[in-house]
Amino acid sequence: GEVHNAGFVKGMRESIVPNLGPSGSLKLDPDTYATASSYSDLLRSVSVACRLVDEVAASSDGLAGFGLVRPPGHHAVPTGPYGFCIFNTISVAVRHAQQAHGLRRVAIYDFDVHHGNG
């Protein structure tokens, strides 16, 4: 299954830049904003997280990985941004681990001060 609704992803790709305000940003919710580079930044973050999953899954010696990516995305929900997050990077990486590498269960250690929604 999808982590994010396809319409939401397409909407982010097509609507951020044309709707930037005078400050160069677009307010998506009370806590979340986007800038001209946000969509490419989001794709880069998701790509790095999925590549980390690939590297760890390919390791035969118990390799572990740590991905320090921004935005982390642990609050984003399937249909929209939430709490400073646009795409849920960690949920995309987990889904990638499940679909590309056949993992059924994945442990996430989120050391933020509060809960994630993913």
C-alpha atoms as a PDB file:
ATOM      1  CA  GLY A   1       0.000   0.000   0.000  1.00  0.00           C
ATOM      2  CA  GLU A   2       0.835   3.631  -0.246  1.00  0.00           C
ATOM      3  CA  VAL A   3       2.240   5.733   2.538  1.00  0.00           C
ATOM      4  CA  HIS A   4       0.806   8.894   0.991  1.00  0.00           C
ATOM      5  CA  ASN A   5      -2.176   9.479  -1.224  1.00  0.00           C
ATOM      6  CA  ALA A   6      -0.953   9.919  -4.833  1.00  0.00           C
ATOM      7  CA  GLY A   7      -3.037  13.078  -5.197  1.00  0.00           C
ATOM      8  CA  PHE A   8      -1.310  14.633  -2.216  1.00  0.00           C
ATOM      9  CA  VAL A   9       2.158  13.905  -3.617  1.00  0.00           C
ATOM     10  CA  LYS A  10       1.190  15.298  -7.023  1.00  0.00           C
ATOM     11  CA  GLY A  11      -0.365  18.335  -5.373  1.00  0.00           C
ATOM     12  CA  MET A  12       2.832  19.088  -3.487  1.00  0.00           C
ATOM     13  CA  ARG A  13       4.889  18.760  -6.672  1.00  0.00           C
ATOM     14  CA  GLU A  14       2.620  21.049  -8.675  1.00  0.00           C
ATOM     15  CA  SER A  15       1.434  23.616  -6.159  1.00  0.00           C
ATOM     16  CA  ILE A  16       4.316  24.718  -3.951  1.00  0.00           C
ATOM     17  CA  VAL A  17       6.243  27.017  -6.296  1.00  0.00           C
ATOM     18  CA  PRO A  18       3.236  28.721  -7.979  1.00  0.00           C
ATOM     19  CA  ASN A  19       1.754  29.562  -4.575  1.00  0.00           C
ATOM     20  CA  LEU A  20       4.791  30.931  -2.753  1.00  0.00           C
ATOM     21  CA  GLY A  21       4.039  34.180  -0.976  1.00  0.00           C
ATOM     22  CA  PRO A  22       6.141  37.351  -0.855  1.00  0.00           C
ATOM     23  CA  SER A  23       8.306  35.764   1.843  1.00  0.00           C
ATOM     24  CA  GLY A  24       9.173  32.887  -0.494  1.00  0.00           C
ATOM     25  CA  SER A  25       7.215  30.383   1.547  1.00  0.00           C
ATOM     26  CA  LEU A  26       3.838  28.674   1.498  1.00  0.00           C
ATOM     27  CA  LYS A  27       2.035  27.893   4.754  1.00  0.00           C
ATOM     28  CA  LEU A  28       0.635  24.353   4.531  1.00  0.00           C
ATOM     29  CA  ASP A  29      -0.831  24.094   8.023  1.00  0.00           C
ATOM     30  CA  PRO A  30      -0.417  26.061  11.259  1.00  0.00           C
ATOM     31  CA  ASP A  31       3.073  24.569  11.825  1.00  0.00           C
ATOM     32  CA  THR A  32       4.282  23.571   8.370  1.00  0.00           C
ATOM     33  CA  TYR A  33       5.569  25.665   5.494  1.00  0.00           C
ATOM     34  CA  ALA A  34       7.238  24.973   2.141  1.00  0.00           C
ATOM     35  CA  THR A  35       9.753  26.888   0.057  1.00  0.00           C
ATOM     36  CA  ALA A  36      10.869  26.629  -3.569  1.00  0.00           C
ATOM     37  CA  SER A  37      13.253  23.764  -2.788  1.00  0.00           C
ATOM     38  CA  SER A  38      10.909  21.828  -0.486  1.00  0.00           C
ATOM     39  CA  TYR A  39       9.696  19.260  -3.002  1.00  0.00           C
ATOM     40  CA  SER A  40      13.218  18.360  -4.174  1.00  0.00           C
ATOM     41  CA  ASP A  41      14.388  18.348  -0.542  1.00  0.00           C
ATOM     42  CA  LEU A  42      11.592  15.933   0.328  1.00  0.00           C
ATOM     43  CA  LEU A  43      12.518  13.600  -2.516  1.00  0.00           C
ATOM     44  CA  ARG A  44      16.165  13.698  -1.477  1.00  0.00           C
ATOM     45  CA  SER A  45      15.267  12.867   2.126  1.00  0.00           C
ATOM     46  CA  VAL A  46      13.095   9.917   1.093  1.00  0.00           C
ATOM     47  CA  SER A  47      15.763   8.704  -1.349  1.00  0.00           C
ATOM     48  CA  VAL A  48      18.479   8.772   1.323  1.00  0.00           C
ATOM     49  CA  ALA A  49      16.277   6.882   3.781  1.00  0.00           C
ATOM     50  CA  CYS A  50      15.422   4.196   1.210  1.00  0.00           C
ATOM     51  CA  ARG A  51      19.059   3.845   0.155  1.00  0.00           C
ATOM     52  CA  LEU A  52      20.036   3.364   3.790  1.00  0.00           C
ATOM     53  CA  VAL A  53      17.437   0.580   4.012  1.00  0.00           C
ATOM     54  CA  ASP A  54      18.934  -1.009   0.870  1.00  0.00           C
ATOM     55  CA  GLU A  55      22.467  -0.872   2.294  1.00  0.00           C
ATOM     56  CA  VAL A  56      21.456  -2.404   5.604  1.00  0.00           C
ATOM     57  CA  ALA A  57      19.304  -5.089   3.957  1.00  0.00           C
ATOM     58  CA  ALA A  58      22.154  -6.050   1.593  1.00  0.00           C
ATOM     59  CA  SER A  59      24.626  -6.424   4.436  1.00  0.00           C
ATOM     60  CA  SER A  60      25.506  -9.936   5.512  1.00  0.00           C
ATOM     61  CA  ASP A  61      27.439  -8.841   8.580  1.00  0.00           C
ATOM     62  CA  GLY A  62      24.745  -7.233  10.712  1.00  0.00           C
ATOM     63  CA  LEU A  63      25.332  -3.727   9.417  1.00  0.00           C
ATOM     64  CA  ALA A  64      23.172  -1.126  11.092  1.00  0.00           C
ATOM     65  CA  GLY A  65      22.448   2.329   9.783  1.00  0.00           C
ATOM     66  CA  PHE A  66      21.632   5.782  10.998  1.00  0.00           C
ATOM     67  CA  GLY A  67      19.971   8.302   8.729  1.00  0.00           C
ATOM     68  CA  LEU A  68      20.099  11.910   9.747  1.00  0.00           C
ATOM     69  CA  VAL A  69      17.698  13.413   7.230  1.00  0.00           C
ATOM     70  CA  ARG A  70      15.660  16.585   7.183  1.00  0.00           C
ATOM     71  CA  PRO A  71      12.794  16.764   7.087  1.00  0.00           C
ATOM     72  CA  PRO A  72      12.289  13.597   9.156  1.00  0.00           C
ATOM     73  CA  GLY A  73       8.583  13.595   8.433  1.00  0.00           C
ATOM     74  CA  HIS A  74       7.421  11.534  11.372  1.00  0.00           C
ATOM     75  CA  HIS A  75       4.238  13.585  11.796  1.00  0.00           C
ATOM     76  CA  ALA A  76       2.997  13.710   8.198  1.00  0.00           C
ATOM     77  CA  VAL A  77      -0.216  11.763   7.573  1.00  0.00           C
ATOM     78  CA  PRO A  78      -1.218   9.915   4.360  1.00  0.00           C
ATOM     79  CA  THR A  79      -3.262  12.799   2.985  1.00  0.00           C
ATOM     80  CA  GLY A  80      -1.323  15.855   4.055  1.00  0.00           C
ATOM     81  CA  PRO A  81       1.339  17.663   6.018  1.00  0.00           C
ATOM     82  CA  TYR A  82       1.228  17.902   9.776  1.00  0.00           C
ATOM     83  CA  GLY A  83       3.444  19.179  12.547  1.00  0.00           C
ATOM     84  CA  PHE A  84       6.374  20.565  10.517  1.00  0.00           C
ATOM     85  CA  CYS A  85       6.414  17.506   8.225  1.00  0.00           C
ATOM     86  CA  ILE A  86       5.266  17.144   4.619  1.00  0.00           C
ATOM     87  CA  PHE A  87       6.180  13.577   3.572  1.00  0.00           C
ATOM     88  CA  ASN A  88       6.553  10.875   6.200  1.00  0.00           C
ATOM     89  CA  THR A  89      10.110   9.881   5.343  1.00  0.00           C
ATOM     90  CA  ILE A  90      10.390   7.152   7.955  1.00  0.00           C
ATOM     91  CA  SER A  91       7.112   5.517   6.920  1.00  0.00           C
ATOM     92  CA  VAL A  92       8.214   5.535   3.267  1.00  0.00           C
ATOM     93  CA  ALA A  93      11.505   3.881   4.266  1.00  0.00           C
ATOM     94  CA  VAL A  94       9.681   1.235   6.298  1.00  0.00           C
ATOM     95  CA  ARG A  95       7.289   0.513   3.423  1.00  0.00           C
ATOM     96  CA  HIS A  96      10.311   0.248   1.114  1.00  0.00           C
ATOM     97  CA  ALA A  97      11.915  -2.262   3.498  1.00  0.00           C
ATOM     98  CA  GLN A  98       8.731  -4.311   3.470  1.00  0.00           C
ATOM     99  CA  GLN A  99       8.128  -4.225  -0.280  1.00  0.00           C
ATOM    100  CA  ALA A 100      11.678  -4.295  -1.667  1.00  0.00           C
ATOM    101  CA  HIS A 101      13.281  -6.571   0.918  1.00  0.00           C
ATOM    102  CA  GLY A 102      10.416  -8.664   2.274  1.00  0.00           C
ATOM    103  CA  LEU A 103      10.761  -7.465   5.848  1.00  0.00           C
ATOM    104  CA  ARG A 104       7.569  -7.934   7.821  1.00  0.00           C
ATOM    105  CA  ARG A 105       8.454  -6.005  10.943  1.00  0.00           C
ATOM    106  CA  VAL A 106      10.687  -2.973  11.315  1.00  0.00           C
ATOM    107  CA  ALA A 107      11.732  -1.316  14.570  1.00  0.00           C
ATOM    108  CA  ILE A 108      11.931   2.474  14.615  1.00  0.00           C
ATOM    109  CA  TYR A 109      13.769   4.352  17.305  1.00  0.00           C
ATOM    110  CA  ASP A 110      12.452   7.913  17.147  1.00  0.00           C
ATOM    111  CA  PHE A 111      14.352   9.965  19.687  1.00  0.00           C
ATOM    112  CA  ASP A 112      12.338  13.137  19.250  1.00  0.00           C
ATOM    113  CA  VAL A 113      10.862  14.541  22.427  1.00  0.00           C
ATOM    114  CA  HIS A 114       7.273  13.677  21.469  1.00  0.00           C
ATOM    115  CA  HIS A 115       5.301  11.113  19.454  1.00  0.00           C
ATOM    116  CA  GLY A 116       5.347  10.559  15.697  1.00  0.00           C
ATOM    117  CA  ASN A 117       2.189   9.822  13.726  1.00  0.00           C
ATOM    118  CA  GLY A 118       3.648   7.426  11.132  1.00  0.00           C
END
